[in-house]
PDB file of N, CA and C in Angstrom:
ATOM      1  N   MET A   1     137.564  39.351 -49.020  1.00  0.00           N
ATOM      2  CA  MET A   1     138.960  39.571 -49.354  1.00  0.00           C
ATOM      3  C   MET A   1     139.880  38.811 -48.389  1.00  0.00           C
ATOM      4  N   ARG A   2     139.481  38.779 -47.117  1.00  0.00           N
ATOM      5  CA  ARG A   2     140.303  38.071 -46.131  1.00  0.00           C
ATOM      6  C   ARG A   2     140.331  36.577 -46.427  1.00  0.00           C
ATOM      7  N   SER A   3     139.195  36.042 -46.859  1.00  0.00           N
ATOM      8  CA  SER A   3     139.141  34.613 -47.160  1.00  0.00           C
ATOM      9  C   SER A   3     140.004  34.260 -48.368  1.00  0.00           C
ATOM     10  N   LEU A   4     140.115  35.170 -49.333  1.00  0.00           N
ATOM     11  CA  LEU A   4     140.984  34.939 -50.490  1.00  0.00           C
ATOM     12  C   LEU A   4     142.436  34.868 -50.059  1.00  0.00           C
ATOM     13  N   ARG A   5     142.846  35.765 -49.178  1.00  0.00           N
ATOM     14  CA  ARG A   5     144.227  35.741 -48.686  1.00  0.00           C
ATOM     15  C   ARG A   5     144.502  34.456 -47.917  1.00  0.00           C
ATOM     16  N   LEU A   6     143.558  34.038 -47.104  1.00  0.00           N
ATOM     17  CA  LEU A   6     143.718  32.794 -46.355  1.00  0.00           C
ATOM     18  C   LEU A   6     143.795  31.600 -47.304  1.00  0.00           C
ATOM     19  N   LEU A   7     142.966  31.597 -48.324  1.00  0.00           N
ATOM     20  CA  LEU A   7     142.974  30.507 -49.307  1.00  0.00           C
ATOM     21  C   LEU A   7     144.312  30.436 -50.045  1.00  0.00           C
ATOM     22  N   LEU A   8     144.885  31.586 -50.382  1.00  0.00           N
ATOM     23  CA  LEU A   8     146.159  31.609 -51.096  1.00  0.00           C
ATOM     24  C   LEU A   8     147.293  31.017 -50.266  1.00  0.00           C
ATOM     25  N   VAL A   9     147.189  31.091 -48.967  1.00  0.00           N
ATOM     26  CA  VAL A   9     148.232  30.539 -48.107  1.00  0.00           C
ATOM     27  C   VAL A   9     147.972  29.066 -47.796  1.00  0.00           C
ATOM     28  N   VAL A  10     146.733  28.721 -47.558  1.00  0.00           N
ATOM     29  CA  VAL A  10     146.403  27.366 -47.114  1.00  0.00           C
ATOM     30  C   VAL A  10     146.341  26.372 -48.268  1.00  0.00           C
ATOM     31  N   LEU A  11     145.914  26.805 -49.430  1.00  0.00           N
ATOM     32  CA  LEU A  11     145.733  25.886 -50.553  1.00  0.00           C
ATOM     33  C   LEU A  11     147.008  25.137 -50.949  1.00  0.00           C
ATOM     34  N   PRO A  12     148.147  25.798 -51.135  1.00  0.00           N
ATOM     35  CA  PRO A  12     149.359  25.031 -51.483  1.00  0.00           C
ATOM     36  C   PRO A  12     149.772  24.035 -50.399  1.00  0.00           C
ATOM     37  N   ILE A  13     149.604  24.414 -49.144  1.00  0.00           N
ATOM     38  CA  ILE A  13     149.955  23.505 -48.055  1.00  0.00           C
ATOM     39  C   ILE A  13     149.060  22.275 -48.085  1.00  0.00           C
ATOM     40  N   ALA A  14     147.782  22.506 -48.261  1.00  0.00           N
ATOM     41  CA  ALA A  14     146.829  21.393 -48.308  1.00  0.00           C
ATOM     42  C   ALA A  14     147.065  20.525 -49.539  1.00  0.00           C
ATOM     43  N   ALA A  15     147.364  21.140 -50.656  1.00  0.00           N
ATOM     44  CA  ALA A  15     147.566  20.377 -51.888  1.00  0.00           C
ATOM     45  C   ALA A  15     148.798  19.486 -51.814  1.00  0.00           C
ATOM     46  N   LEU A  16     149.816  19.927 -51.079  1.00  0.00           N
ATOM     47  CA  LEU A  16     151.042  19.142 -50.993  1.00  0.00           C
ATOM     48  C   LEU A  16     151.093  18.215 -49.787  1.00  0.00           C
ATOM     49  N   SER A  17     150.145  18.314 -48.885  1.00  0.00           N
ATOM     50  CA  SER A  17     150.184  17.420 -47.730  1.00  0.00           C
ATOM     51  C   SER A  17     148.908  16.596 -47.600  1.00  0.00           C
ATOM     52  N   VAL A  18     147.781  17.237 -47.561  1.00  0.00           N
ATOM     53  CA  VAL A  18     146.521  16.533 -47.329  1.00  0.00           C
ATOM     54  C   VAL A  18     146.045  15.798 -48.579  1.00  0.00           C
ATOM     55  N   ALA A  19     146.214  16.395 -49.747  1.00  0.00           N
ATOM     56  CA  ALA A  19     145.656  15.823 -50.969  1.00  0.00           C
ATOM     57  C   ALA A  19     146.511  14.717 -51.583  1.00  0.00           C
ATOM     58  N   ILE A  20     147.713  14.523 -51.110  1.00  0.00           N
ATOM     59  CA  ILE A  20     148.595  13.506 -51.703  1.00  0.00           C
ATOM     60  C   ILE A  20     147.958  12.111 -51.711  1.00  0.00           C
ATOM     61  N   PRO A  21     147.367  11.640 -50.613  1.00  0.00           N
ATOM     62  CA  PRO A  21     146.734  10.313 -50.700  1.00  0.00           C
ATOM     63  C   PRO A  21     145.580  10.255 -51.700  1.00  0.00           C
ATOM     64  N   LEU A  22     144.938  11.365 -51.941  1.00  0.00           N
ATOM     65  CA  LEU A  22     143.808  11.393 -52.873  1.00  0.00           C
ATOM     66  C   LEU A  22     144.244  11.334 -54.329  1.00  0.00           C
ATOM     67  N   VAL A  23     145.442  11.816 -54.619  1.00  0.00           N
ATOM     68  CA  VAL A  23     145.918  11.858 -56.009  1.00  0.00           C
ATOM     69  C   VAL A  23     147.030  10.846 -56.264  1.00  0.00           C
ATOM     70  N   ASN A  24     147.236   9.937 -55.347  1.00  0.00           N
ATOM     71  CA  ASN A  24     148.299   8.943 -55.476  1.00  0.00           C
ATOM     72  C   ASN A  24     147.920   7.900 -56.529  1.00  0.00           C
ATOM     73  N   ARG A  25     148.116   8.264 -57.778  1.00  0.00           N
ATOM     74  CA  ARG A  25     147.775   7.417 -58.910  1.00  0.00           C
ATOM     75  C   ARG A  25     148.930   7.407 -59.903  1.00  0.00           C
ATOM     76  N   ILE A  26     149.079   6.317 -60.603  1.00  0.00           N
ATOM     77  CA  ILE A  26     150.057   6.269 -61.693  1.00  0.00           C
ATOM     78  C   ILE A  26     149.383   6.733 -62.974  1.00  0.00           C
ATOM     79  N   GLU A  27     148.177   6.258 -63.194  1.00  0.00           N
ATOM     80  CA  GLU A  27     147.413   6.663 -64.376  1.00  0.00           C
ATOM     81  C   GLU A  27     146.388   7.685 -63.955  1.00  0.00           C
ATOM     82  N   PRO A  28     146.088   8.688 -64.666  1.00  0.00           N
ATOM     83  CA  PRO A  28     146.558   9.005 -66.000  1.00  0.00           C
ATOM     84  C   PRO A  28     147.956   9.616 -65.957  1.00  0.00           C
ATOM     85  N   ARG A  29     148.618   9.537 -67.058  1.00  0.00           N
ATOM     86  CA  ARG A  29     149.921  10.192 -67.194  1.00  0.00           C
ATOM     87  C   ARG A  29     149.690  11.576 -67.792  1.00  0.00           C
ATOM     88  N   VAL A  30     150.351  12.557 -67.229  1.00  0.00           N
ATOM     89  CA  VAL A  30     150.237  13.939 -67.705  1.00  0.00           C
ATOM     90  C   VAL A  30     151.632  14.395 -68.085  1.00  0.00           C
ATOM     91  N   LEU A  31     151.802  14.783 -69.326  1.00  0.00           N
ATOM     92  CA  LEU A  31     153.104  15.189 -69.849  1.00  0.00           C
ATOM     93  C   LEU A  31     154.143  14.083 -69.660  1.00  0.00           C
ATOM     94  N   GLY A  32     153.704  12.849 -69.712  1.00  0.00           N
ATOM     95  CA  GLY A  32     154.600  11.706 -69.566  1.00  0.00           C
ATOM     96  C   GLY A  32     154.950  11.367 -68.126  1.00  0.00           C
ATOM     97  N   LEU A  33     154.405  12.113 -67.179  1.00  0.00           N
ATOM     98  CA  LEU A  33     154.685  11.877 -65.760  1.00  0.00           C
ATOM     99  C   LEU A  33     153.502  11.161 -65.117  1.00  0.00           C
ATOM    100  N   PRO A  34     153.779  10.290 -64.156  1.00  0.00           N
ATOM    101  CA  PRO A  34     152.662   9.750 -63.373  1.00  0.00           C
ATOM    102  C   PRO A  34     151.914  10.909 -62.705  1.00  0.00           C
ATOM    103  N   PHE A  35     150.626  10.722 -62.489  1.00  0.00           N
ATOM    104  CA  PHE A  35     149.806  11.830 -61.997  1.00  0.00           C
ATOM    105  C   PHE A  35     150.315  12.408 -60.691  1.00  0.00           C
ATOM    106  N   LEU A  36     150.759  11.556 -59.766  1.00  0.00           N
ATOM    107  CA  LEU A  36     151.252  12.057 -58.481  1.00  0.00           C
ATOM    108  C   LEU A  36     152.455  12.971 -58.665  1.00  0.00           C
ATOM    109  N   LEU A  37     153.386  12.576 -59.506  1.00  0.00           N
ATOM    110  CA  LEU A  37     154.562  13.412 -59.750  1.00  0.00           C
ATOM    111  C   LEU A  37     154.170  14.724 -60.423  1.00  0.00           C
ATOM    112  N   PHE A  38     153.247  14.652 -61.371  1.00  0.00           N
ATOM    113  CA  PHE A  38     152.755  15.871 -62.013  1.00  0.00           C
ATOM    114  C   PHE A  38     152.106  16.792 -60.975  1.00  0.00           C
ATOM    115  N   TRP A  39     151.307  16.236 -60.059  1.00  0.00           N
ATOM    116  CA  TRP A  39     150.629  17.015 -59.022  1.00  0.00           C
ATOM    117  C   TRP A  39     151.650  17.756 -58.154  1.00  0.00           C
ATOM    118  N   ILE A  40     152.700  17.055 -57.748  1.00  0.00           N
ATOM    119  CA  ILE A  40     153.718  17.671 -56.893  1.00  0.00           C
ATOM    120  C   ILE A  40     154.457  18.773 -57.638  1.00  0.00           C
ATOM    121  N   VAL A  41     154.849  18.515 -58.878  1.00  0.00           N
ATOM    122  CA  VAL A  41     155.563  19.527 -59.672  1.00  0.00           C
ATOM    123  C   VAL A  41     154.668  20.739 -59.907  1.00  0.00           C
ATOM    124  N   LEU A  42     153.402  20.496 -60.209  1.00  0.00           N
ATOM    125  CA  LEU A  42     152.464  21.594 -60.430  1.00  0.00           C
ATOM    126  C   LEU A  42     152.367  22.498 -59.211  1.00  0.00           C
ATOM    127  N   TRP A  43     152.227  21.925 -58.030  1.00  0.00           N
ATOM    128  CA  TRP A  43     152.085  22.737 -56.830  1.00  0.00           C
ATOM    129  C   TRP A  43     153.392  23.378 -56.389  1.00  0.00           C
ATOM    130  N   VAL A  44     154.512  22.748 -56.705  1.00  0.00           N
ATOM    131  CA  VAL A  44     155.801  23.401 -56.412  1.00  0.00           C
ATOM    132  C   VAL A  44     155.942  24.658 -57.274  1.00  0.00           C
ATOM    133  N   LEU A  45     155.425  24.613 -58.490  1.00  0.00           N
ATOM    134  CA  LEU A  45     155.472  25.785 -59.367  1.00  0.00           C
ATOM    135  C   LEU A  45     154.397  26.821 -59.028  1.00  0.00           C
ATOM    136  N   LEU A  46     153.239  26.386 -58.551  1.00  0.00           N
ATOM    137  CA  LEU A  46     152.154  27.318 -58.235  1.00  0.00           C
ATOM    138  C   LEU A  46     152.293  27.985 -56.865  1.00  0.00           C
ATOM    139  N   THR A  47     153.012  27.378 -55.953  1.00  0.00           N
ATOM    140  CA  THR A  47     153.139  27.937 -54.608  1.00  0.00           C
ATOM    141  C   THR A  47     153.787  29.323 -54.595  1.00  0.00           C
ATOM    142  N   PRO A  48     154.890  29.562 -55.304  1.00  0.00           N
ATOM    143  CA  PRO A  48     155.432  30.924 -55.308  1.00  0.00           C
ATOM    144  C   PRO A  48     154.457  31.948 -55.904  1.00  0.00           C
ATOM    145  N   LEU A  49     153.705  31.546 -56.897  1.00  0.00           N
ATOM    146  CA  LEU A  49     152.708  32.445 -57.475  1.00  0.00           C
ATOM    147  C   LEU A  49     151.633  32.792 -56.448  1.00  0.00           C
ATOM    148  N   ALA A  50     151.151  31.804 -55.723  1.00  0.00           N
ATOM    149  CA  ALA A  50     150.130  32.047 -54.707  1.00  0.00           C
ATOM    150  C   ALA A  50     150.670  32.954 -53.597  1.00  0.00           C
ATOM    151  N   LEU A  51     151.898  32.722 -53.182  1.00  0.00           N
ATOM    152  CA  LEU A  51     152.474  33.560 -52.127  1.00  0.00           C
ATOM    153  C   LEU A  51     152.760  34.969 -52.617  1.00  0.00           C
ATOM    154  N   TRP A  52     153.106  35.114 -53.887  1.00  0.00           N
ATOM    155  CA  TRP A  52     153.305  36.446 -54.456  1.00  0.00           C
ATOM    156  C   TRP A  52     151.982  37.210 -54.484  1.00  0.00           C
ATOM    157  N   LEU A  53     150.905  36.532 -54.898  1.00  0.00           N
ATOM    158  CA  LEU A  53     149.587  37.174 -54.894  1.00  0.00           C
ATOM    159  C   LEU A  53     149.167  37.554 -53.478  1.00  0.00           C
ATOM    160  N   PHE A  54     149.445  36.686 -52.523  1.00  0.00           N
ATOM    161  CA  PHE A  54     149.147  36.991 -51.129  1.00  0.00           C
ATOM    162  C   PHE A  54     149.896  38.247 -50.683  1.00  0.00           C
ATOM    163  N   ALA A  55     151.166  38.337 -51.017  1.00  0.00           N
ATOM    164  CA  ALA A  55     151.960  39.510 -50.630  1.00  0.00           C
ATOM    165  C   ALA A  55     151.436  40.773 -51.279  1.00  0.00           C
ATOM    166  N   ARG A  56     151.012  40.677 -52.545  1.00  0.00           N
ATOM    167  CA  ARG A  56     150.439  41.845 -53.224  1.00  0.00           C
ATOM    168  C   ARG A  56     149.147  42.306 -52.549  1.00  0.00           C
ATOM    169  N   LEU A  57     148.308  41.356 -52.177  1.00  0.00           N
ATOM    170  CA  LEU A  57     147.050  41.706 -51.498  1.00  0.00           C
ATOM    171  C   LEU A  57     147.319  42.296 -50.116  1.00  0.00           C
ATOM    172  N   GLU A  58     148.309  41.777 -49.424  1.00  0.00           N
ATOM    173  CA  GLU A  58     148.651  42.313 -48.111  1.00  0.00           C
ATOM    174  C   GLU A  58     149.221  43.725 -48.227  1.00  0.00           C
ATOM    175  N   ALA A  59     150.001  43.984 -49.267  1.00  0.00           N
ATOM    176  CA  ALA A  59     150.592  45.307 -49.458  1.00  0.00           C
ATOM    177  C   ALA A  59     149.519  46.349 -49.731  1.00  0.00           C
ATOM    178  N   ARG A  60     148.467  45.961 -50.441  1.00  0.00           N
ATOM    179  CA  ARG A  60     147.364  46.896 -50.710  1.00  0.00           C
ATOM    180  C   ARG A  60     146.616  47.249 -49.431  1.00  0.00           C
ATOM    181  N   ARG A  61     146.517  46.276 -48.561  1.00  0.00           N
ATOM    182  CA  ARG A  61     145.771  46.469 -47.325  1.00  0.00           C
ATOM    183  C   ARG A  61     146.558  47.362 -46.417  1.00  0.00           C
TER     184      ARG A  61
END
């Protein structure tokens, strides 16, 4: 359970900082966006969800 909470906090940070060079591609296009832009938008939208889940798990503990 502790590792899940840690993953929920670290994953968005890693996805938006460490993984950027790995996904720096124009093709494929997703929803008409270059892949890098899609990746950033996806994680900007998923980060609040991950932090909300983290807060819920912390509240139970």
